[in-house]
Structure formats: structure tokens, C-alpha cells
């Protein structure tokens, strides 16, 4: 009887030991990457076609040089471009969720924000991706696809919010325009007409232009009826009350900050263009 009891106790201990071994907790789930700039950079290089692109629109002045990344590549086909656009948008939504944020669509980009549509709203990052059949002579296999990310991970919140405003973020107000969610992809991916000069923010670059006669500058203009717009290039002759007079000597196809090549268009030998300092940007 005693022997049987000991046997049962030993067997119970063995079962408990085995059960304890089999109930080891599973390994922790992999950490979700919260930096959309990192995610987007991985997306840009994770495909043989996308990885052959290049960084464009390299800003020389704050805040663009600090927060903004734009990348353009030649897609393999129109279908591939559409698929990449959908994947990029899904990545943005997933990363926004990982940051406990909400995607809202503004006139410039789709912004991931915390505390949406309240006075406490704070931008986390923005995402925009577009495709275009322009420059098909340079990109014969499919349209160009351009991705832009604006994000801060390195400076204090006040500096980041100020920088985000300069790069297109519209803070919460009763007058702010939010695109309906059922139009989110159209809002996120459609090209926009160049804002009027009075709508452009005054930046460090603008201040530099307004105080450096002789500097080479450019102006990009695009109307609703134009397919790609044009860039005017010349040297600053004079500045009067923030109106910059430029002796323009070149007219170029598209926005040269993101165009794949410099393509001159017919233009006068020289012509004077006067416009607000905010209309111009530094170029080479």
C-alpha cells in the first residue's frame, strides 16, 4: 500500500515537471518599427526595380534637410506602380497604428497624428506617393513613382511641429480642410497645383534669397492646364520689399528638383521676372 502511494506521488511529480516544461511562455512578439522613414527606406530598397531609384529634392535648408525624404524610381509597369502605391499606403497606415496615431488627409500629404481634430493634435509623420507617365522618354518601362516622407525622430517637439508646419502640416482649427476618408487614396496620391506665392511659408531659404543679390535661383510654375509645369532659372538682380527681381536665362521642363534630367525649353536670351521671395528656391 505504501509502495503504491509512493509510486503515485512520484508519477504525479513527474507529470507536474513535464507539464511545467511544456508551459514555457512563448517568445515575445517582434517589436513593430515605429519610424516610417525607416520603413519607407526599407520599402524603397526591398525590390530590384525600386532599389534602382534615387533620392530627389535634396533640401539645403531647414526644415526640409532635417525632416524630409523624397525618392523617385522608374516602375516596371503601370500595374506595378499601382501595386506599389497600395503597399506604401498600407505601410503608412500600419506604422501610424503602431504609433497609436490616426491618419488624416490634408491638401499636401496624408498625416499620421495623435489626438486628431482636437487642440492637442500633434503630427507624427506624413506620407505621400505619386506616379506619373511624364518623362516616358527617360523611363520607357513604366511611370515614375515618387515617395515622400516627412518625419521627426531627433529634435524636440516644438521644433518638429514648427518644421512640419513649414512643410505643409495644417494644425487643427475650425477652418482646416480634411479630405473625407473615402477619398483618402485620391487625396494622398494626386499631384497638386503649385500653391500661390502668398501661401508659401517664409523659410530660412527665403530669407537667404531676400538678402543675396547675384545668387542663382529658380522658380517652378504649374497651372491646371499644364501637364508638368516649367522651371525658370536666373540670377537675382535686386530685392525691394521682399520682391525679388531675377534675370532669367533658362526655361526648363518640369520641376528640376525632382525631374530625372535637365531638359531645356525654348526661351528668350534673357528676361526679367519679378516675384515674391517665397516664389524662388536656390538651385545650381
C-alpha atoms as a PDB file:
ATOM      1  CA  UNK A   1       0.000   0.000   0.000  1.00  0.00           C
ATOM      2  CA  UNK A   2       2.764   2.367   0.983  1.00  0.00           C
ATOM      3  CA  UNK A   3       4.738   1.423  -2.129  1.00  0.00           C
ATOM      4  CA  UNK A   4       1.729   2.136  -4.343  1.00  0.00           C
ATOM      5  CA  UNK A   5       1.239   5.560  -2.712  1.00  0.00           C
ATOM      6  CA  UNK A   6       4.895   6.485  -3.268  1.00  0.00           C
ATOM      7  CA  UNK A   7       4.621   5.391  -6.869  1.00  0.00           C
ATOM      8  CA  UNK A   8       1.575   7.635  -7.372  1.00  0.00           C
ATOM      9  CA  UNK A   9       3.339  10.573  -5.734  1.00  0.00           C
ATOM     10  CA  UNK A  10       6.431  10.097  -7.928  1.00  0.00           C
ATOM     11  CA  UNK A  11       4.283   9.813 -11.031  1.00  0.00           C
ATOM     12  CA  UNK A  12       2.377  12.964 -10.126  1.00  0.00           C
ATOM     13  CA  UNK A  13       5.657  14.812  -9.602  1.00  0.00           C
ATOM     14  CA  UNK A  14       6.919  13.637 -12.960  1.00  0.00           C
ATOM     15  CA  UNK A  15       3.731  14.776 -14.702  1.00  0.00           C
ATOM     16  CA  UNK A  16       3.939  18.152 -12.977  1.00  0.00           C
ATOM     17  CA  UNK A  17       7.569  18.513 -14.029  1.00  0.00           C
ATOM     18  CA  UNK A  18       6.782  17.645 -17.649  1.00  0.00           C
ATOM     19  CA  UNK A  19       3.783  19.963 -17.637  1.00  0.00           C
ATOM     20  CA  UNK A  20       5.957  22.733 -16.247  1.00  0.00           C
ATOM     21  CA  UNK A  21       8.449  22.285 -19.060  1.00  0.00           C
ATOM     22  CA  UNK A  22       5.759  22.318 -21.726  1.00  0.00           C
ATOM     23  CA  UNK A  23       4.168  25.512 -20.385  1.00  0.00           C
ATOM     24  CA  UNK A  24       7.226  27.711 -21.063  1.00  0.00           C
ATOM     25  CA  UNK A  25       5.913  31.146 -22.163  1.00  0.00           C
ATOM     26  CA  UNK A  26       6.248  31.897 -25.897  1.00  0.00           C
ATOM     27  CA  UNK A  27       8.957  34.333 -27.033  1.00  0.00           C
ATOM     28  CA  UNK A  28       7.924  37.997 -27.118  1.00  0.00           C
ATOM     29  CA  UNK A  29       6.450  39.269 -30.357  1.00  0.00           C
ATOM     30  CA  UNK A  30       8.884  41.168 -32.570  1.00  0.00           C
ATOM     31  CA  UNK A  31       8.904  44.908 -31.955  1.00  0.00           C
ATOM     32  CA  UNK A  32       6.975  46.925 -34.521  1.00  0.00           C
ATOM     33  CA  UNK A  33       9.145  49.551 -36.207  1.00  0.00           C
ATOM     34  CA  UNK A  34       7.664  52.953 -35.426  1.00  0.00           C
ATOM     35  CA  UNK A  35       9.808  55.092 -37.718  1.00  0.00           C
ATOM     36  CA  UNK A  36       8.034  55.478 -41.035  1.00  0.00           C
ATOM     37  CA  UNK A  37      11.166  56.930 -42.624  1.00  0.00           C
ATOM     38  CA  UNK A  38      12.924  53.649 -41.781  1.00  0.00           C
ATOM     39  CA  UNK A  39      10.004  51.576 -43.079  1.00  0.00           C
ATOM     40  CA  UNK A  40       9.821  53.628 -46.277  1.00  0.00           C
ATOM     41  CA  UNK A  41      13.578  53.336 -46.842  1.00  0.00           C
ATOM     42  CA  UNK A  42      13.316  49.554 -46.487  1.00  0.00           C
ATOM     43  CA  UNK A  43      10.399  49.552 -48.927  1.00  0.00           C
ATOM     44  CA  UNK A  44      12.434  51.575 -51.442  1.00  0.00           C
ATOM     45  CA  UNK A  45      15.266  49.031 -51.464  1.00  0.00           C
ATOM     46  CA  UNK A  46      13.366  45.761 -50.955  1.00  0.00           C
ATOM     47  CA  UNK A  47      12.572  45.323 -54.650  1.00  0.00           C
ATOM     48  CA  UNK A  48      15.026  45.138 -57.569  1.00  0.00           C
ATOM     49  CA  UNK A  49      13.089  47.757 -59.546  1.00  0.00           C
ATOM     50  CA  UNK A  50      12.548  50.189 -56.682  1.00  0.00           C
ATOM     51  CA  UNK A  51      16.127  49.937 -55.462  1.00  0.00           C
ATOM     52  CA  UNK A  52      17.404  51.467 -58.724  1.00  0.00           C
ATOM     53  CA  UNK A  53      15.839  54.835 -57.910  1.00  0.00           C
ATOM     54  CA  UNK A  54      17.418  57.865 -56.316  1.00  0.00           C
ATOM     55  CA  UNK A  55      16.811  60.436 -53.589  1.00  0.00           C
ATOM     56  CA  UNK A  56      15.471  63.656 -55.127  1.00  0.00           C
ATOM     57  CA  UNK A  57      14.591  67.167 -53.985  1.00  0.00           C
ATOM     58  CA  UNK A  58      17.556  67.356 -51.628  1.00  0.00           C
ATOM     59  CA  UNK A  59      16.788  70.313 -49.377  1.00  0.00           C
ATOM     60  CA  UNK A  60      19.701  72.554 -48.438  1.00  0.00           C
ATOM     61  CA  UNK A  61      17.824  74.489 -45.785  1.00  0.00           C
ATOM     62  CA  UNK A  62      15.928  73.750 -42.578  1.00  0.00           C
ATOM     63  CA  UNK A  63      13.419  72.177 -42.151  1.00  0.00           C
ATOM     64  CA  UNK A  64      13.494  70.159 -45.386  1.00  0.00           C
ATOM     65  CA  UNK A  65      17.060  68.968 -44.879  1.00  0.00           C
ATOM     66  CA  UNK A  66      16.164  67.764 -41.380  1.00  0.00           C
ATOM     67  CA  UNK A  67      12.772  66.125 -41.798  1.00  0.00           C
ATOM     68  CA  UNK A  68      12.046  65.412 -45.458  1.00  0.00           C
ATOM     69  CA  UNK A  69      12.941  62.469 -47.683  1.00  0.00           C
ATOM     70  CA  UNK A  70      11.844  62.176 -51.320  1.00  0.00           C
ATOM     71  CA  UNK A  71      12.687  59.190 -53.516  1.00  0.00           C
ATOM     72  CA  UNK A  72      11.901  58.513 -57.171  1.00  0.00           C
ATOM     73  CA  UNK A  73      12.266  55.382 -59.270  1.00  0.00           C
ATOM     74  CA  UNK A  74      11.176  54.040 -62.629  1.00  0.00           C
ATOM     75  CA  UNK A  75       8.469  51.404 -62.199  1.00  0.00           C
ATOM     76  CA  UNK A  76       8.361  48.223 -64.249  1.00  0.00           C
ATOM     77  CA  UNK A  77       4.798  48.894 -65.459  1.00  0.00           C
ATOM     78  CA  UNK A  78       1.663  50.886 -64.708  1.00  0.00           C
ATOM     79  CA  UNK A  79       0.305  47.863 -62.843  1.00  0.00           C
ATOM     80  CA  UNK A  80       3.445  47.633 -60.722  1.00  0.00           C
ATOM     81  CA  UNK A  81       3.223  51.336 -59.908  1.00  0.00           C
ATOM     82  CA  UNK A  82      -0.363  50.911 -58.720  1.00  0.00           C
ATOM     83  CA  UNK A  83       0.613  47.932 -56.583  1.00  0.00           C
ATOM     84  CA  UNK A  84       3.496  49.859 -55.011  1.00  0.00           C
ATOM     85  CA  UNK A  85       1.189  52.769 -54.261  1.00  0.00           C
ATOM     86  CA  UNK A  86      -1.260  50.473 -52.479  1.00  0.00           C
ATOM     87  CA  UNK A  87       1.526  48.785 -50.492  1.00  0.00           C
ATOM     88  CA  UNK A  88       3.046  52.119 -49.478  1.00  0.00           C
ATOM     89  CA  UNK A  89      -0.320  53.371 -48.272  1.00  0.00           C
ATOM     90  CA  UNK A  90      -0.863  50.204 -46.222  1.00  0.00           C
ATOM     91  CA  UNK A  91       2.609  50.566 -44.688  1.00  0.00           C
ATOM     92  CA  UNK A  92       1.764  54.132 -43.685  1.00  0.00           C
ATOM     93  CA  UNK A  93      -1.465  53.050 -42.004  1.00  0.00           C
ATOM     94  CA  UNK A  94       0.251  50.154 -40.203  1.00  0.00           C
ATOM     95  CA  UNK A  95       3.077  52.358 -38.938  1.00  0.00           C
ATOM     96  CA  UNK A  96       0.614  55.019 -37.835  1.00  0.00           C
ATOM     97  CA  UNK A  97      -1.295  52.406 -35.827  1.00  0.00           C
ATOM     98  CA  UNK A  98       1.984  51.272 -34.216  1.00  0.00           C
ATOM     99  CA  UNK A  99       2.447  54.883 -33.084  1.00  0.00           C
ATOM    100  CA  UNK A 100      -1.121  54.937 -31.680  1.00  0.00           C
ATOM    101  CA  UNK A 101      -1.922  57.545 -34.305  1.00  0.00           C
ATOM    102  CA  UNK A 102      -4.702  58.289 -36.778  1.00  0.00           C
ATOM    103  CA  UNK A 103      -4.296  59.057 -40.480  1.00  0.00           C
ATOM    104  CA  UNK A 104      -5.882  62.298 -41.686  1.00  0.00           C
ATOM    105  CA  UNK A 105      -5.682  63.575 -45.239  1.00  0.00           C
ATOM    106  CA  UNK A 106      -4.771  67.187 -45.882  1.00  0.00           C
ATOM    107  CA  UNK A 107      -4.181  69.095 -49.095  1.00  0.00           C
ATOM    108  CA  UNK A 108      -0.467  68.277 -49.188  1.00  0.00           C
ATOM    109  CA  UNK A 109       0.055  64.816 -47.698  1.00  0.00           C
ATOM    110  CA  UNK A 110      -1.617  62.226 -45.519  1.00  0.00           C
ATOM    111  CA  UNK A 111      -0.555  62.923 -41.930  1.00  0.00           C
ATOM    112  CA  UNK A 112      -0.417  60.481 -39.057  1.00  0.00           C
ATOM    113  CA  UNK A 113      -1.356  62.424 -35.930  1.00  0.00           C
ATOM    114  CA  UNK A 114      -2.117  61.854 -32.278  1.00  0.00           C
ATOM    115  CA  UNK A 115      -5.271  63.354 -30.717  1.00  0.00           C
ATOM    116  CA  UNK A 116      -6.808  64.050 -34.160  1.00  0.00           C
ATOM    117  CA  UNK A 117      -9.094  67.041 -34.667  1.00  0.00           C
ATOM    118  CA  UNK A 118      -8.503  68.462 -31.193  1.00  0.00           C
ATOM    119  CA  UNK A 119      -6.379  71.378 -29.927  1.00  0.00           C
ATOM    120  CA  UNK A 120      -3.878  68.747 -28.680  1.00  0.00           C
ATOM    121  CA  UNK A 121      -3.356  67.260 -32.150  1.00  0.00           C
ATOM    122  CA  UNK A 122       0.324  66.524 -32.840  1.00  0.00           C
ATOM    123  CA  UNK A 123       1.823  65.369 -36.164  1.00  0.00           C
ATOM    124  CA  UNK A 124       3.823  62.118 -36.099  1.00  0.00           C
ATOM    125  CA  UNK A 125       4.754  61.736 -39.779  1.00  0.00           C
ATOM    126  CA  UNK A 126       3.392  62.343 -43.262  1.00  0.00           C
ATOM    127  CA  UNK A 127       3.347  60.091 -46.316  1.00  0.00           C
ATOM    128  CA  UNK A 128       2.762  60.797 -49.973  1.00  0.00           C
ATOM    129  CA  UNK A 129       3.298  58.685 -53.076  1.00  0.00           C
ATOM    130  CA  UNK A 130       2.544  59.627 -56.673  1.00  0.00           C
ATOM    131  CA  UNK A 131       3.033  58.130 -60.095  1.00  0.00           C
ATOM    132  CA  UNK A 132       3.234  59.904 -63.424  1.00  0.00           C
ATOM    133  CA  UNK A 133       3.747  58.964 -67.052  1.00  0.00           C
ATOM    134  CA  UNK A 134       5.762  62.123 -67.658  1.00  0.00           C
ATOM    135  CA  UNK A 135       9.336  61.689 -68.804  1.00  0.00           C
ATOM    136  CA  UNK A 136       8.336  58.463 -70.563  1.00  0.00           C
ATOM    137  CA  UNK A 137      11.249  59.042 -72.933  1.00  0.00           C
ATOM    138  CA  UNK A 138      13.558  58.590 -69.947  1.00  0.00           C
ATOM    139  CA  UNK A 139      11.529  55.855 -68.279  1.00  0.00           C
ATOM    140  CA  UNK A 140      10.313  53.505 -71.058  1.00  0.00           C
ATOM    141  CA  UNK A 141       9.119  50.596 -68.892  1.00  0.00           C
ATOM    142  CA  UNK A 142       6.557  52.400 -66.756  1.00  0.00           C
ATOM    143  CA  UNK A 143       5.693  55.633 -64.968  1.00  0.00           C
ATOM    144  CA  UNK A 144       7.919  57.330 -62.433  1.00  0.00           C
ATOM    145  CA  UNK A 145       6.899  56.769 -58.847  1.00  0.00           C
ATOM    146  CA  UNK A 146       7.815  59.327 -56.190  1.00  0.00           C
ATOM    147  CA  UNK A 147       7.619  58.749 -52.449  1.00  0.00           C
ATOM    148  CA  UNK A 148       7.878  61.498 -49.849  1.00  0.00           C
ATOM    149  CA  UNK A 149       8.135  61.131 -46.088  1.00  0.00           C
ATOM    150  CA  UNK A 150       8.249  63.919 -43.515  1.00  0.00           C
ATOM    151  CA  UNK A 151       9.136  62.739 -40.027  1.00  0.00           C
ATOM    152  CA  UNK A 152      10.976  63.780 -36.892  1.00  0.00           C
ATOM    153  CA  UNK A 153      12.804  61.466 -34.538  1.00  0.00           C
ATOM    154  CA  UNK A 154      15.677  63.630 -33.367  1.00  0.00           C
ATOM    155  CA  UNK A 155      14.585  67.105 -32.217  1.00  0.00           C
ATOM    156  CA  UNK A 156      12.245  68.443 -29.560  1.00  0.00           C
ATOM    157  CA  UNK A 157       8.521  68.548 -30.184  1.00  0.00           C
ATOM    158  CA  UNK A 158       8.222  72.333 -30.556  1.00  0.00           C
ATOM    159  CA  UNK A 159      10.897  72.450 -33.278  1.00  0.00           C
ATOM    160  CA  UNK A 160       9.323  69.480 -35.035  1.00  0.00           C
ATOM    161  CA  UNK A 161       5.831  70.989 -35.081  1.00  0.00           C
ATOM    162  CA  UNK A 162       7.189  74.294 -36.430  1.00  0.00           C
ATOM    163  CA  UNK A 163       9.117  72.401 -39.112  1.00  0.00           C
ATOM    164  CA  UNK A 164       6.089  70.286 -40.017  1.00  0.00           C
ATOM    165  CA  UNK A 165       4.013  73.448 -40.497  1.00  0.00           C
ATOM    166  CA  UNK A 166       6.615  74.821 -42.911  1.00  0.00           C
ATOM    167  CA  UNK A 167       6.498  71.537 -44.831  1.00  0.00           C
ATOM    168  CA  UNK A 168       2.717  71.512 -45.219  1.00  0.00           C
ATOM    169  CA  UNK A 169       1.104  70.318 -41.995  1.00  0.00           C
ATOM    170  CA  UNK A 170      -2.030  72.281 -41.172  1.00  0.00           C
ATOM    171  CA  UNK A 171      -2.656  72.418 -37.397  1.00  0.00           C
ATOM    172  CA  UNK A 172      -6.122  71.827 -36.050  1.00  0.00           C
ATOM    173  CA  UNK A 173      -8.603  74.682 -36.423  1.00  0.00           C
ATOM    174  CA  UNK A 174     -12.276  75.025 -37.247  1.00  0.00           C
ATOM    175  CA  UNK A 175     -11.261  76.264 -40.703  1.00  0.00           C
ATOM    176  CA  UNK A 176      -8.945  73.380 -41.569  1.00  0.00           C
ATOM    177  CA  UNK A 177      -9.911  71.272 -44.557  1.00  0.00           C
ATOM    178  CA  UNK A 178      -9.807  67.498 -44.049  1.00  0.00           C
ATOM    179  CA  UNK A 179     -10.402  65.247 -47.035  1.00  0.00           C
ATOM    180  CA  UNK A 180     -13.091  62.586 -46.382  1.00  0.00           C
ATOM    181  CA  UNK A 181     -11.735  59.130 -45.619  1.00  0.00           C
ATOM    182  CA  UNK A 182     -13.453  57.613 -48.643  1.00  0.00           C
ATOM    183  CA  UNK A 183     -11.286  59.892 -50.802  1.00  0.00           C
ATOM    184  CA  UNK A 184      -8.101  59.193 -48.876  1.00  0.00           C
ATOM    185  CA  UNK A 185      -6.146  57.469 -51.634  1.00  0.00           C
ATOM    186  CA  UNK A 186      -7.070  60.131 -54.168  1.00  0.00           C
ATOM    187  CA  UNK A 187      -6.048  62.813 -51.699  1.00  0.00           C
ATOM    188  CA  UNK A 188      -2.845  61.011 -50.823  1.00  0.00           C
ATOM    189  CA  UNK A 189      -1.640  60.306 -54.318  1.00  0.00           C
ATOM    190  CA  UNK A 190      -2.908  63.040 -56.629  1.00  0.00           C
ATOM    191  CA  UNK A 191      -0.484  65.675 -57.869  1.00  0.00           C
ATOM    192  CA  UNK A 192      -1.356  69.183 -56.735  1.00  0.00           C
ATOM    193  CA  UNK A 193      -1.036  72.518 -58.470  1.00  0.00           C
ATOM    194  CA  UNK A 194       1.789  74.706 -57.199  1.00  0.00           C
ATOM    195  CA  UNK A 195       0.498  76.899 -54.322  1.00  0.00           C
ATOM    196  CA  UNK A 196       0.284  80.634 -54.934  1.00  0.00           C
ATOM    197  CA  UNK A 197       3.302  82.564 -53.597  1.00  0.00           C
ATOM    198  CA  UNK A 198       1.338  84.193 -50.806  1.00  0.00           C
ATOM    199  CA  UNK A 199       0.516  80.713 -49.494  1.00  0.00           C
ATOM    200  CA  UNK A 200       4.150  79.649 -49.305  1.00  0.00           C
ATOM    201  CA  UNK A 201       5.780  79.889 -45.855  1.00  0.00           C
ATOM    202  CA  UNK A 202       8.689  82.207 -45.095  1.00  0.00           C
ATOM    203  CA  UNK A 203      11.665  79.922 -44.501  1.00  0.00           C
ATOM    204  CA  UNK A 204      15.398  80.137 -43.879  1.00  0.00           C
ATOM    205  CA  UNK A 205      15.894  79.632 -47.609  1.00  0.00           C
ATOM    206  CA  UNK A 206      13.550  82.539 -48.376  1.00  0.00           C
ATOM    207  CA  UNK A 207      15.492  84.784 -46.012  1.00  0.00           C
ATOM    208  CA  UNK A 208      18.737  83.811 -47.734  1.00  0.00           C
ATOM    209  CA  UNK A 209      17.281  84.649 -51.165  1.00  0.00           C
ATOM    210  CA  UNK A 210      15.995  88.021 -49.953  1.00  0.00           C
ATOM    211  CA  UNK A 211      19.490  89.055 -48.842  1.00  0.00           C
ATOM    212  CA  UNK A 212      21.807  87.636 -51.546  1.00  0.00           C
ATOM    213  CA  UNK A 213      21.840  89.590 -54.802  1.00  0.00           C
ATOM    214  CA  UNK A 214      23.677  87.666 -57.505  1.00  0.00           C
ATOM    215  CA  UNK A 215      22.625  84.228 -56.224  1.00  0.00           C
ATOM    216  CA  UNK A 216      21.319  81.689 -58.764  1.00  0.00           C
ATOM    217  CA  UNK A 217      17.663  80.892 -58.092  1.00  0.00           C
ATOM    218  CA  UNK A 218      14.790  79.061 -59.736  1.00  0.00           C
ATOM    219  CA  UNK A 219      11.008  79.291 -59.788  1.00  0.00           C
ATOM    220  CA  UNK A 220       8.669  76.392 -60.567  1.00  0.00           C
ATOM    221  CA  UNK A 221       5.271  77.207 -62.066  1.00  0.00           C
ATOM    222  CA  UNK A 222       2.429  74.858 -62.955  1.00  0.00           C
ATOM    223  CA  UNK A 223      -1.149  75.585 -63.934  1.00  0.00           C
ATOM    224  CA  UNK A 224      -4.126  73.255 -64.124  1.00  0.00           C
ATOM    225  CA  UNK A 225      -3.844  73.104 -67.912  1.00  0.00           C
ATOM    226  CA  UNK A 226      -0.174  72.119 -67.939  1.00  0.00           C
ATOM    227  CA  UNK A 227       0.991  68.530 -67.774  1.00  0.00           C
ATOM    228  CA  UNK A 228       4.247  69.083 -65.931  1.00  0.00           C
ATOM    229  CA  UNK A 229       4.959  72.810 -65.472  1.00  0.00           C
ATOM    230  CA  UNK A 230       8.234  74.648 -66.031  1.00  0.00           C
ATOM    231  CA  UNK A 231      11.198  75.936 -64.046  1.00  0.00           C
ATOM    232  CA  UNK A 232      12.674  79.404 -64.674  1.00  0.00           C
ATOM    233  CA  UNK A 233      16.327  79.897 -63.749  1.00  0.00           C
ATOM    234  CA  UNK A 234      18.454  83.017 -63.407  1.00  0.00           C
ATOM    235  CA  UNK A 235      20.399  85.342 -61.090  1.00  0.00           C
ATOM    236  CA  UNK A 236      18.971  87.797 -58.566  1.00  0.00           C
ATOM    237  CA  UNK A 237      19.347  91.399 -59.787  1.00  0.00           C
ATOM    238  CA  UNK A 238      17.709  93.238 -56.918  1.00  0.00           C
ATOM    239  CA  UNK A 239      15.407  92.877 -53.915  1.00  0.00           C
ATOM    240  CA  UNK A 240      12.900  95.513 -52.880  1.00  0.00           C
ATOM    241  CA  UNK A 241      10.457  94.966 -50.015  1.00  0.00           C
ATOM    242  CA  UNK A 242      10.838  91.177 -50.385  1.00  0.00           C
ATOM    243  CA  UNK A 243      10.091  91.388 -54.117  1.00  0.00           C
ATOM    244  CA  UNK A 244      12.938  89.636 -55.928  1.00  0.00           C
ATOM    245  CA  UNK A 245      13.890  90.672 -59.464  1.00  0.00           C
ATOM    246  CA  UNK A 246      15.644  87.873 -61.361  1.00  0.00           C
ATOM    247  CA  UNK A 247      17.331  87.972 -64.768  1.00  0.00           C
ATOM    248  CA  UNK A 248      16.063  84.632 -66.082  1.00  0.00           C
ATOM    249  CA  UNK A 249      18.135  82.979 -68.793  1.00  0.00           C
ATOM    250  CA  UNK A 250      16.748  79.432 -68.837  1.00  0.00           C
ATOM    251  CA  UNK A 251      13.366  77.719 -69.037  1.00  0.00           C
ATOM    252  CA  UNK A 252      13.373  74.009 -68.149  1.00  0.00           C
ATOM    253  CA  UNK A 253      10.868  71.171 -68.379  1.00  0.00           C
ATOM    254  CA  UNK A 254       9.102  70.241 -65.149  1.00  0.00           C
ATOM    255  CA  UNK A 255      10.274  70.793 -61.595  1.00  0.00           C
ATOM    256  CA  UNK A 256      14.061  70.428 -61.780  1.00  0.00           C
ATOM    257  CA  UNK A 257      14.191  69.456 -58.085  1.00  0.00           C
ATOM    258  CA  UNK A 258      12.653  66.082 -58.932  1.00  0.00           C
ATOM    259  CA  UNK A 259      12.971  65.821 -62.731  1.00  0.00           C
ATOM    260  CA  UNK A 260      15.142  62.902 -63.872  1.00  0.00           C
ATOM    261  CA  UNK A 261      17.074  65.119 -66.287  1.00  0.00           C
ATOM    262  CA  UNK A 262      17.535  68.777 -67.200  1.00  0.00           C
ATOM    263  CA  UNK A 263      15.514  69.364 -70.365  1.00  0.00           C
ATOM    264  CA  UNK A 264      15.751  72.965 -71.729  1.00  0.00           C
ATOM    265  CA  UNK A 265      12.741  74.568 -73.410  1.00  0.00           C
ATOM    266  CA  UNK A 266      12.694  77.472 -75.905  1.00  0.00           C
ATOM    267  CA  UNK A 267      13.156  80.759 -74.045  1.00  0.00           C
ATOM    268  CA  UNK A 268      14.310  84.333 -74.541  1.00  0.00           C
ATOM    269  CA  UNK A 269      18.010  85.043 -74.320  1.00  0.00           C
ATOM    270  CA  UNK A 270      17.160  86.793 -71.088  1.00  0.00           C
ATOM    271  CA  UNK A 271      14.070  88.194 -69.386  1.00  0.00           C
ATOM    272  CA  UNK A 272      13.390  89.808 -66.025  1.00  0.00           C
ATOM    273  CA  UNK A 273      10.921  88.075 -63.704  1.00  0.00           C
ATOM    274  CA  UNK A 274       9.861  89.817 -60.501  1.00  0.00           C
ATOM    275  CA  UNK A 275       8.067  87.865 -57.777  1.00  0.00           C
ATOM    276  CA  UNK A 276       7.766  87.459 -54.038  1.00  0.00           C
ATOM    277  CA  UNK A 277      10.889  85.997 -52.416  1.00  0.00           C
ATOM    278  CA  UNK A 278       8.829  82.963 -51.398  1.00  0.00           C
ATOM    279  CA  UNK A 279       8.344  82.066 -55.056  1.00  0.00           C
ATOM    280  CA  UNK A 280      12.022  81.243 -55.564  1.00  0.00           C
ATOM    281  CA  UNK A 281      14.351  78.485 -54.401  1.00  0.00           C
ATOM    282  CA  UNK A 282      18.132  78.043 -54.521  1.00  0.00           C
ATOM    283  CA  UNK A 283      19.361  75.998 -57.486  1.00  0.00           C
ATOM    284  CA  UNK A 284      22.619  75.237 -59.281  1.00  0.00           C
END
